Amino acid sequence: MDAGAHIGMSAVFFASKYPKARVIAIEPEPTNYQVLHRNAQEYTNISTIQAGLWSRKAHLCIEDSNVDTWSFRVVEDPSGKGIPAIGIQDVMSEYGVEQIDVLKMDIEGAEVEVLNNASPWFDGVKNLFIELHDRFRPGCTAALRGVLEGRKYDESESGESVVIRNFRVCSMFED
């Protein structure tokens, strides 16, 4: 699952490298989504969703439209209009997914909402690659620490991302 898929470069990489895998790419911003959808068209193993990743189904609006296309931040739109939002549990149910091998999450601060409501699905994620955005939204790292509390995992860093390997669903003998 590629949350904050932008124009789909990671989704295309995963779909090419793992042709038997199903890749679900989620992107909220309409122009980015159009390019993502176009880039994913030739890959039958990529499903695209035009929505923002959130704690649950809701509606969002772009908070900062005067930034680069890869750094839009969203907030909940109380009017019930705007960009659809979806939770990870919703995606898993809709696509019949019981376990997520890789969850790439680069959602510009919305990780607070997602991680603060992760109990129903987190143990079904083998590997989490997450870019934390405390500089935009304080509490991102605290939300990650909260969901990891009491769980067995391995943590490392790769570039701007924190990499979590969940030992509850990963054997220590897997590569």
N, C-alpha and C. Protein backbone atom coordinates (compact mmCIF):
# COMPACT_ATOMS: atom_id res chain seq x y z
N MET A 1 0.86 -1.17 0.00
CA MET A 1 0.00 0.00 0.00
C MET A 1 0.90 1.23 0.00
N ASP A 2 0.61 2.14 -0.89
CA ASP A 2 1.38 3.37 -1.04
C ASP A 2 0.47 4.54 -0.71
N ALA A 3 0.55 5.03 0.50
CA ALA A 3 -0.29 6.14 0.95
C ALA A 3 0.47 7.45 0.79
N GLY A 4 -0.12 8.38 0.06
CA GLY A 4 0.58 9.59 -0.34
C GLY A 4 1.40 9.25 -1.56
N ALA A 5 0.75 8.61 -2.53
CA ALA A 5 1.43 8.04 -3.70
C ALA A 5 1.95 9.09 -4.67
N HIS A 6 1.52 10.34 -4.53
CA HIS A 6 1.93 11.43 -5.43
C HIS A 6 1.61 11.03 -6.86
N ILE A 7 2.59 10.89 -7.73
CA ILE A 7 2.31 10.56 -9.14
C ILE A 7 2.57 9.08 -9.45
N GLY A 8 2.85 8.28 -8.41
CA GLY A 8 2.91 6.85 -8.57
C GLY A 8 4.27 6.23 -8.81
N MET A 9 5.34 6.94 -8.59
CA MET A 9 6.66 6.38 -8.88
C MET A 9 6.97 5.18 -7.97
N SER A 10 6.64 5.27 -6.69
CA SER A 10 6.87 4.13 -5.79
C SER A 10 5.96 2.97 -6.16
N ALA A 11 4.71 3.27 -6.46
CA ALA A 11 3.76 2.21 -6.85
C ALA A 11 4.25 1.48 -8.09
N VAL A 12 4.72 2.22 -9.08
CA VAL A 12 5.24 1.61 -10.30
C VAL A 12 6.49 0.78 -10.00
N PHE A 13 7.35 1.28 -9.14
CA PHE A 13 8.55 0.53 -8.74
C PHE A 13 8.15 -0.81 -8.12
N PHE A 14 7.25 -0.77 -7.13
CA PHE A 14 6.83 -2.01 -6.45
C PHE A 14 6.13 -2.95 -7.41
N ALA A 15 5.28 -2.42 -8.28
CA ALA A 15 4.54 -3.25 -9.24
C ALA A 15 5.49 -3.91 -10.23
N SER A 16 6.54 -3.20 -10.62
CA SER A 16 7.53 -3.76 -11.56
C SER A 16 8.41 -4.81 -10.89
N LYS A 17 8.87 -4.49 -9.70
CA LYS A 17 9.79 -5.39 -8.98
C LYS A 17 9.07 -6.64 -8.48
N TYR A 18 7.79 -6.51 -8.11
CA TYR A 18 7.02 -7.62 -7.58
C TYR A 18 5.73 -7.77 -8.39
N PRO A 19 5.84 -8.33 -9.59
CA PRO A 19 4.68 -8.38 -10.49
C PRO A 19 3.50 -9.21 -9.97
N LYS A 20 3.73 -10.10 -9.00
CA LYS A 20 2.63 -10.89 -8.44
C LYS A 20 1.97 -10.18 -7.25
N ALA A 21 2.53 -9.07 -6.83
CA ALA A 21 1.97 -8.33 -5.70
C ALA A 21 0.84 -7.43 -6.16
N ARG A 22 -0.08 -7.17 -5.27
CA ARG A 22 -1.11 -6.16 -5.54
C ARG A 22 -0.66 -4.88 -4.85
N VAL A 23 -0.63 -3.79 -5.59
CA VAL A 23 -0.22 -2.49 -5.07
C VAL A 23 -1.45 -1.58 -5.06
N ILE A 24 -1.71 -0.99 -3.91
CA ILE A 24 -2.82 -0.06 -3.77
C ILE A 24 -2.21 1.31 -3.50
N ALA A 25 -2.44 2.24 -4.43
CA ALA A 25 -1.85 3.58 -4.36
C ALA A 25 -2.95 4.59 -4.04
N ILE A 26 -2.73 5.38 -3.00
CA ILE A 26 -3.72 6.33 -2.51
C ILE A 26 -3.14 7.73 -2.60
N GLU A 27 -3.86 8.63 -3.26
CA GLU A 27 -3.41 10.02 -3.42
C GLU A 27 -4.61 10.94 -3.39
N PRO A 28 -4.58 11.99 -2.54
CA PRO A 28 -5.75 12.87 -2.42
C PRO A 28 -5.84 14.00 -3.44
N GLU A 29 -4.71 14.55 -3.85
CA GLU A 29 -4.74 15.77 -4.66
C GLU A 29 -5.13 15.42 -6.09
N PRO A 30 -6.16 16.08 -6.64
CA PRO A 30 -6.72 15.69 -7.95
C PRO A 30 -5.72 15.68 -9.12
N THR A 31 -4.87 16.68 -9.25
CA THR A 31 -3.92 16.71 -10.36
C THR A 31 -2.88 15.61 -10.21
N ASN A 32 -2.36 15.43 -9.00
CA ASN A 32 -1.42 14.34 -8.75
C ASN A 32 -2.08 13.00 -9.06
N TYR A 33 -3.32 12.85 -8.63
CA TYR A 33 -4.03 11.59 -8.85
C TYR A 33 -4.17 11.28 -10.35
N GLN A 34 -4.47 12.28 -11.16
CA GLN A 34 -4.59 12.06 -12.60
C GLN A 34 -3.30 11.50 -13.19
N VAL A 35 -2.16 12.06 -12.76
CA VAL A 35 -0.87 11.58 -13.25
C VAL A 35 -0.59 10.18 -12.69
N LEU A 36 -0.88 9.96 -11.42
CA LEU A 36 -0.74 8.63 -10.82
C LEU A 36 -1.54 7.60 -11.61
N HIS A 37 -2.80 7.90 -11.86
CA HIS A 37 -3.67 6.97 -12.58
C HIS A 37 -3.13 6.67 -13.98
N ARG A 38 -2.66 7.70 -14.65
CA ARG A 38 -2.08 7.53 -15.99
C ARG A 38 -0.81 6.67 -15.93
N ASN A 39 0.05 6.93 -14.93
CA ASN A 39 1.29 6.17 -14.79
C ASN A 39 1.03 4.70 -14.44
N ALA A 40 -0.07 4.43 -13.75
CA ALA A 40 -0.38 3.08 -13.29
C ALA A 40 -1.18 2.26 -14.30
N GLN A 41 -1.68 2.89 -15.34
CA GLN A 41 -2.58 2.21 -16.27
C GLN A 41 -2.04 0.93 -16.88
N GLU A 42 -0.77 0.88 -17.19
CA GLU A 42 -0.23 -0.31 -17.84
C GLU A 42 0.08 -1.44 -16.86
N TYR A 43 -0.11 -1.20 -15.57
CA TYR A 43 0.18 -2.20 -14.55
C TYR A 43 -1.14 -2.75 -14.00
N THR A 44 -1.41 -4.00 -14.34
CA THR A 44 -2.67 -4.60 -13.90
C THR A 44 -2.68 -4.88 -12.40
N ASN A 45 -1.51 -4.84 -11.77
CA ASN A 45 -1.44 -5.11 -10.34
C ASN A 45 -1.45 -3.84 -9.48
N ILE A 46 -1.71 -2.68 -10.08
CA ILE A 46 -1.85 -1.44 -9.31
C ILE A 46 -3.32 -1.01 -9.32
N SER A 47 -3.86 -0.79 -8.14
CA SER A 47 -5.18 -0.17 -7.99
C SER A 47 -4.95 1.22 -7.43
N THR A 48 -5.63 2.22 -7.99
CA THR A 48 -5.46 3.59 -7.51
C THR A 48 -6.74 4.04 -6.82
N ILE A 49 -6.56 4.83 -5.78
CA ILE A 49 -7.68 5.38 -5.03
C ILE A 49 -7.45 6.88 -4.90
N GLN A 50 -8.41 7.67 -5.36
CA GLN A 50 -8.30 9.11 -5.16
C GLN A 50 -8.97 9.44 -3.84
N ALA A 51 -8.14 9.54 -2.81
CA ALA A 51 -8.60 9.83 -1.45
C ALA A 51 -7.39 10.18 -0.62
N GLY A 52 -7.66 10.76 0.52
CA GLY A 52 -6.61 10.99 1.49
C GLY A 52 -6.66 9.87 2.51
N LEU A 53 -5.50 9.45 3.00
CA LEU A 53 -5.49 8.46 4.07
C LEU A 53 -5.77 9.19 5.37
N TRP A 54 -6.69 8.65 6.13
CA TRP A 54 -7.16 9.28 7.36
C TRP A 54 -7.48 8.19 8.36
N SER A 55 -8.02 8.53 9.48
CA SER A 55 -8.38 7.52 10.48
C SER A 55 -9.63 6.75 10.10
N ARG A 56 -10.45 7.32 9.22
CA ARG A 56 -11.75 6.74 8.86
C ARG A 56 -12.25 7.44 7.62
N LYS A 57 -13.41 7.00 7.13
CA LYS A 57 -14.02 7.70 6.00
C LYS A 57 -14.46 9.08 6.47
N ALA A 58 -14.12 10.08 5.70
CA ALA A 58 -14.43 11.47 6.01
C ALA A 58 -14.21 12.27 4.73
N HIS A 59 -14.17 13.58 4.86
CA HIS A 59 -13.82 14.46 3.74
C HIS A 59 -12.73 15.41 4.20
N LEU A 60 -11.83 15.72 3.28
CA LEU A 60 -10.68 16.56 3.59
C LEU A 60 -10.61 17.72 2.63
N CYS A 61 -9.81 18.71 3.00
CA CYS A 61 -9.49 19.78 2.06
C CYS A 61 -7.98 20.03 2.14
N ILE A 62 -7.43 20.53 1.04
CA ILE A 62 -6.01 20.86 0.99
C ILE A 62 -5.80 22.10 1.85
N GLU A 63 -4.88 21.99 2.80
CA GLU A 63 -4.63 23.08 3.74
C GLU A 63 -3.68 24.13 3.16
N ASP A 64 -2.81 23.73 2.28
CA ASP A 64 -1.71 24.58 1.84
C ASP A 64 -1.46 24.43 0.34
N SER A 65 -2.33 24.96 -0.47
CA SER A 65 -2.25 24.76 -1.91
C SER A 65 -1.09 25.51 -2.58
N ASN A 66 -0.37 26.34 -1.85
CA ASN A 66 0.73 27.10 -2.45
C ASN A 66 2.10 26.45 -2.22
N VAL A 67 2.12 25.11 -2.17
CA VAL A 67 3.38 24.40 -1.96
C VAL A 67 3.64 23.48 -3.16
N ASP A 68 4.81 22.84 -3.16
CA ASP A 68 5.12 21.89 -4.23
C ASP A 68 4.10 20.76 -4.25
N THR A 69 3.89 20.16 -5.41
CA THR A 69 2.84 19.16 -5.58
C THR A 69 3.03 17.92 -4.71
N TRP A 70 4.23 17.67 -4.24
CA TRP A 70 4.50 16.49 -3.42
C TRP A 70 4.35 16.78 -1.93
N SER A 71 3.96 18.00 -1.56
CA SER A 71 3.93 18.32 -0.13
C SER A 71 2.60 18.91 0.35
N PHE A 72 1.51 18.61 -0.35
CA PHE A 72 0.19 19.08 0.11
C PHE A 72 -0.16 18.47 1.46
N ARG A 73 -0.72 19.28 2.32
CA ARG A 73 -1.23 18.80 3.62
C ARG A 73 -2.74 18.95 3.62
N VAL A 74 -3.38 18.03 4.32
CA VAL A 74 -4.84 18.04 4.36
C VAL A 74 -5.34 18.19 5.79
N VAL A 75 -6.55 18.70 5.90
CA VAL A 75 -7.27 18.77 7.17
C VAL A 75 -8.69 18.30 6.90
N GLU A 76 -9.35 17.89 7.96
CA GLU A 76 -10.72 17.42 7.79
C GLU A 76 -11.63 18.58 7.42
N ASP A 77 -12.53 18.33 6.49
CA ASP A 77 -13.50 19.32 6.02
C ASP A 77 -14.83 19.03 6.70
N PRO A 78 -15.20 19.83 7.70
CA PRO A 78 -16.43 19.54 8.45
C PRO A 78 -17.71 19.71 7.62
N SER A 79 -17.62 20.32 6.45
CA SER A 79 -18.81 20.52 5.62
C SER A 79 -19.29 19.21 4.98
N GLY A 80 -18.42 18.17 5.03
CA GLY A 80 -18.79 16.91 4.39
C GLY A 80 -18.58 16.92 2.89
N LYS A 81 -17.98 17.97 2.39
CA LYS A 81 -17.65 18.06 0.96
C LYS A 81 -16.14 17.90 0.84
N GLY A 82 -15.62 18.08 -0.32
CA GLY A 82 -14.17 18.03 -0.49
C GLY A 82 -13.68 16.66 -0.90
N ILE A 83 -12.42 16.43 -0.64
CA ILE A 83 -11.73 15.21 -1.05
C ILE A 83 -12.14 14.06 -0.14
N PRO A 84 -12.51 12.92 -0.70
CA PRO A 84 -12.82 11.78 0.15
C PRO A 84 -11.58 11.32 0.92
N ALA A 85 -11.81 10.83 2.12
CA ALA A 85 -10.75 10.23 2.94
C ALA A 85 -11.17 8.81 3.27
N ILE A 86 -10.17 7.98 3.47
CA ILE A 86 -10.41 6.57 3.76
C ILE A 86 -9.41 6.11 4.80
N GLY A 87 -9.81 5.19 5.65
CA GLY A 87 -8.91 4.62 6.63
C GLY A 87 -8.28 3.33 6.10
N ILE A 88 -7.19 2.93 6.70
CA ILE A 88 -6.52 1.70 6.27
C ILE A 88 -7.45 0.50 6.43
N GLN A 89 -8.19 0.46 7.53
CA GLN A 89 -9.11 -0.65 7.74
C GLN A 89 -10.16 -0.69 6.63
N ASP A 90 -10.60 0.48 6.17
CA ASP A 90 -11.55 0.55 5.05
C ASP A 90 -10.95 -0.04 3.78
N VAL A 91 -9.70 0.32 3.48
CA VAL A 91 -9.02 -0.18 2.29
C VAL A 91 -8.85 -1.70 2.39
N MET A 92 -8.44 -2.17 3.56
CA MET A 92 -8.25 -3.60 3.74
C MET A 92 -9.56 -4.36 3.52
N SER A 93 -10.65 -3.83 4.05
CA SER A 93 -11.95 -4.47 3.88
C SER A 93 -12.39 -4.44 2.42
N GLU A 94 -12.29 -3.28 1.79
CA GLU A 94 -12.74 -3.12 0.40
C GLU A 94 -11.98 -4.02 -0.57
N TYR A 95 -10.68 -4.22 -0.32
CA TYR A 95 -9.86 -5.00 -1.22
C TYR A 95 -9.61 -6.43 -0.73
N GLY A 96 -10.24 -6.82 0.37
CA GLY A 96 -10.08 -8.17 0.88
C GLY A 96 -8.67 -8.48 1.34
N VAL A 97 -8.01 -7.51 1.95
CA VAL A 97 -6.62 -7.65 2.39
C VAL A 97 -6.61 -7.97 3.88
N GLU A 98 -5.95 -9.06 4.24
CA GLU A 98 -5.81 -9.41 5.65
C GLU A 98 -4.47 -8.97 6.21
N GLN A 99 -3.47 -8.88 5.33
CA GLN A 99 -2.13 -8.51 5.75
C GLN A 99 -1.51 -7.60 4.70
N ILE A 100 -0.79 -6.59 5.16
CA ILE A 100 -0.09 -5.66 4.27
C ILE A 100 1.40 -5.96 4.40
N ASP A 101 2.01 -6.36 3.29
CA ASP A 101 3.45 -6.65 3.35
C ASP A 101 4.27 -5.39 3.53
N VAL A 102 3.93 -4.34 2.77
CA VAL A 102 4.64 -3.06 2.86
C VAL A 102 3.62 -1.93 2.86
N LEU A 103 3.69 -1.09 3.85
CA LEU A 103 2.89 0.13 3.91
C LEU A 103 3.86 1.30 3.86
N LYS A 104 3.84 2.01 2.73
CA LYS A 104 4.64 3.23 2.58
C LYS A 104 3.70 4.39 2.88
N MET A 105 4.06 5.19 3.86
CA MET A 105 3.18 6.28 4.28
C MET A 105 3.96 7.59 4.28
N ASP A 106 3.60 8.47 3.35
CA ASP A 106 4.19 9.80 3.26
C ASP A 106 3.02 10.76 3.08
N ILE A 107 2.37 11.09 4.19
CA ILE A 107 1.09 11.80 4.13
C ILE A 107 1.12 13.15 4.84
N GLU A 108 2.29 13.74 4.93
CA GLU A 108 2.48 15.15 5.29
C GLU A 108 1.78 15.58 6.57
N GLY A 109 1.84 14.76 7.60
CA GLY A 109 1.28 15.14 8.90
C GLY A 109 0.00 14.43 9.27
N ALA A 110 -0.70 13.87 8.30
CA ALA A 110 -1.93 13.14 8.59
C ALA A 110 -1.65 11.83 9.31
N GLU A 111 -0.35 11.49 9.45
CA GLU A 111 -0.02 10.26 10.17
C GLU A 111 -0.52 10.30 11.61
N VAL A 112 -0.72 11.50 12.18
CA VAL A 112 -1.26 11.60 13.54
C VAL A 112 -2.63 10.93 13.59
N GLU A 113 -3.54 11.30 12.69
CA GLU A 113 -4.88 10.71 12.68
C GLU A 113 -4.82 9.22 12.38
N VAL A 114 -4.00 8.84 11.42
CA VAL A 114 -3.93 7.44 11.01
C VAL A 114 -3.36 6.58 12.14
N LEU A 115 -2.22 6.97 12.71
CA LEU A 115 -1.57 6.16 13.74
C LEU A 115 -2.30 6.18 15.07
N ASN A 116 -2.96 7.27 15.40
CA ASN A 116 -3.71 7.30 16.65
C ASN A 116 -4.93 6.38 16.62
N ASN A 117 -5.26 5.86 15.44
CA ASN A 117 -6.39 4.95 15.28
C ASN A 117 -5.95 3.65 14.62
N ALA A 118 -4.72 3.21 14.89
CA ALA A 118 -4.13 2.08 14.19
C ALA A 118 -4.37 0.72 14.84
N SER A 119 -4.93 0.68 16.03
CA SER A 119 -5.08 -0.60 16.73
C SER A 119 -5.78 -1.68 15.92
N PRO A 120 -6.85 -1.38 15.17
CA PRO A 120 -7.53 -2.46 14.44
C PRO A 120 -6.72 -3.09 13.32
N TRP A 121 -5.72 -2.40 12.79
CA TRP A 121 -5.02 -2.92 11.61
C TRP A 121 -3.51 -3.05 11.75
N PHE A 122 -2.89 -2.42 12.72
CA PHE A 122 -1.43 -2.32 12.75
C PHE A 122 -0.73 -3.67 12.80
N ASP A 123 -1.27 -4.61 13.54
CA ASP A 123 -0.61 -5.92 13.65
C ASP A 123 -0.66 -6.70 12.34
N GLY A 124 -1.42 -6.24 11.36
CA GLY A 124 -1.47 -6.88 10.05
C GLY A 124 -0.49 -6.28 9.06
N VAL A 125 0.37 -5.38 9.50
CA VAL A 125 1.36 -4.74 8.63
C VAL A 125 2.74 -5.34 8.92
N LYS A 126 3.35 -5.94 7.91
CA LYS A 126 4.68 -6.51 8.09
C LYS A 126 5.76 -5.44 8.18
N ASN A 127 5.75 -4.50 7.22
CA ASN A 127 6.79 -3.48 7.14
C ASN A 127 6.15 -2.12 6.90
N LEU A 128 6.56 -1.15 7.70
CA LEU A 128 6.07 0.21 7.58
C LEU A 128 7.25 1.11 7.24
N PHE A 129 7.12 1.83 6.12
CA PHE A 129 8.09 2.86 5.75
C PHE A 129 7.34 4.18 5.89
N ILE A 130 7.71 4.98 6.86
CA ILE A 130 6.93 6.18 7.16
C ILE A 130 7.84 7.40 7.27
N GLU A 131 7.43 8.46 6.60
CA GLU A 131 8.10 9.74 6.78
C GLU A 131 7.28 10.52 7.79
N LEU A 132 7.92 10.89 8.89
CA LEU A 132 7.23 11.62 9.95
C LEU A 132 7.37 13.12 9.71
N HIS A 133 6.30 13.85 9.94
CA HIS A 133 6.25 15.28 9.59
C HIS A 133 5.95 16.15 10.81
N ASP A 134 6.70 15.93 11.89
CA ASP A 134 6.51 16.75 13.09
C ASP A 134 6.73 18.23 12.81
N ARG A 135 7.53 18.55 11.78
CA ARG A 135 7.79 19.95 11.45
C ARG A 135 6.53 20.66 10.97
N PHE A 136 5.59 19.90 10.39
CA PHE A 136 4.31 20.46 9.95
C PHE A 136 3.22 20.24 11.00
N ARG A 137 3.28 19.11 11.65
CA ARG A 137 2.22 18.69 12.55
C ARG A 137 2.84 18.01 13.76
N PRO A 138 3.03 18.74 14.85
CA PRO A 138 3.58 18.11 16.05
C PRO A 138 2.72 16.91 16.47
N GLY A 139 3.41 15.87 16.92
CA GLY A 139 2.71 14.69 17.40
C GLY A 139 2.84 13.48 16.50
N CYS A 140 3.46 13.63 15.35
CA CYS A 140 3.62 12.49 14.42
C CYS A 140 4.48 11.39 15.04
N THR A 141 5.64 11.77 15.56
CA THR A 141 6.53 10.79 16.17
C THR A 141 5.88 10.18 17.41
N ALA A 142 5.22 10.99 18.20
CA ALA A 142 4.53 10.48 19.40
C ALA A 142 3.44 9.48 19.02
N ALA A 143 2.74 9.73 17.93
CA ALA A 143 1.70 8.79 17.48
C ALA A 143 2.32 7.46 17.07
N LEU A 144 3.47 7.50 16.38
CA LEU A 144 4.16 6.27 16.01
C LEU A 144 4.62 5.53 17.26
N ARG A 145 5.24 6.25 18.18
CA ARG A 145 5.71 5.62 19.43
C ARG A 145 4.55 4.99 20.19
N GLY A 146 3.40 5.65 20.19
CA GLY A 146 2.23 5.13 20.88
C GLY A 146 1.75 3.81 20.30
N VAL A 147 1.72 3.70 18.98
CA VAL A 147 1.25 2.46 18.35
C VAL A 147 2.29 1.34 18.50
N LEU A 148 3.55 1.69 18.63
CA LEU A 148 4.60 0.67 18.77
C LEU A 148 4.72 0.16 20.20
N GLU A 149 4.22 0.90 21.15
CA GLU A 149 4.36 0.53 22.57
C GLU A 149 3.80 -0.87 22.81
N GLY A 150 4.64 -1.70 23.42
CA GLY A 150 4.23 -3.06 23.75
C GLY A 150 4.33 -4.05 22.60
N ARG A 151 4.78 -3.61 21.44
CA ARG A 151 4.91 -4.49 20.28
C ARG A 151 6.39 -4.81 20.06
N LYS A 152 6.64 -5.99 19.49
CA LYS A 152 8.01 -6.37 19.14
C LYS A 152 8.25 -5.95 17.71
N TYR A 153 9.29 -5.17 17.50
CA TYR A 153 9.58 -4.65 16.17
C TYR A 153 11.06 -4.30 16.08
N ASP A 154 11.50 -4.14 14.87
CA ASP A 154 12.84 -3.66 14.58
C ASP A 154 12.67 -2.30 13.92
N GLU A 155 13.51 -1.36 14.27
CA GLU A 155 13.41 -0.01 13.70
C GLU A 155 14.75 0.40 13.12
N SER A 156 14.68 1.02 11.94
CA SER A 156 15.88 1.58 11.32
C SER A 156 15.45 2.83 10.56
N GLU A 157 16.40 3.47 9.91
CA GLU A 157 16.10 4.64 9.09
C GLU A 157 16.64 4.42 7.69
N SER A 158 15.91 4.97 6.72
CA SER A 158 16.34 4.93 5.34
C SER A 158 15.98 6.29 4.74
N GLY A 159 16.98 7.11 4.53
CA GLY A 159 16.72 8.47 4.06
C GLY A 159 15.87 9.22 5.07
N GLU A 160 14.75 9.76 4.60
CA GLU A 160 13.85 10.51 5.49
C GLU A 160 12.83 9.61 6.19
N SER A 161 12.85 8.33 5.89
CA SER A 161 11.83 7.42 6.41
C SER A 161 12.31 6.62 7.61
N VAL A 162 11.39 6.35 8.50
CA VAL A 162 11.59 5.40 9.58
C VAL A 162 11.04 4.08 9.06
N VAL A 163 11.79 3.01 9.26
CA VAL A 163 11.40 1.69 8.77
C VAL A 163 11.12 0.82 9.99
N ILE A 164 9.91 0.28 10.03
CA ILE A 164 9.48 -0.57 11.14
C ILE A 164 9.21 -1.96 10.57
N ARG A 165 9.82 -2.95 11.15
CA ARG A 165 9.54 -4.35 10.80
C ARG A 165 8.82 -4.96 11.99
N ASN A 166 7.59 -5.36 11.77
CA ASN A 166 6.71 -5.86 12.82
C ASN A 166 6.97 -7.35 13.02
N PHE A 167 7.53 -7.72 14.16
CA PHE A 167 7.86 -9.12 14.41
C PHE A 167 6.63 -9.98 14.69
N ARG A 168 5.51 -9.37 14.93
CA ARG A 168 4.30 -10.16 15.16
C ARG A 168 3.87 -10.89 13.89
N VAL A 169 4.12 -10.28 12.72
CA VAL A 169 3.74 -10.91 11.46
C VAL A 169 4.94 -11.31 10.61
N CYS A 170 6.15 -10.99 11.06
CA CYS A 170 7.35 -11.36 10.31
C CYS A 170 8.14 -12.38 11.11
N SER A 171 8.49 -13.45 10.50
CA SER A 171 9.37 -14.40 11.13
C SER A 171 10.77 -13.79 11.18
N MET A 172 11.49 -14.07 12.23
CA MET A 172 12.85 -13.55 12.33
C MET A 172 13.76 -14.19 11.29
N PHE A 173 13.29 -15.25 10.62
CA PHE A 173 14.10 -15.97 9.65
C PHE A 173 13.79 -15.55 8.23
N GLU A 174 12.86 -14.63 8.03
CA GLU A 174 12.55 -14.14 6.68
C GLU A 174 13.62 -13.17 6.22
N ASP A 175 13.83 -13.11 4.93
CA ASP A 175 14.73 -12.10 4.37
C ASP A 175 13.94 -10.87 4.03
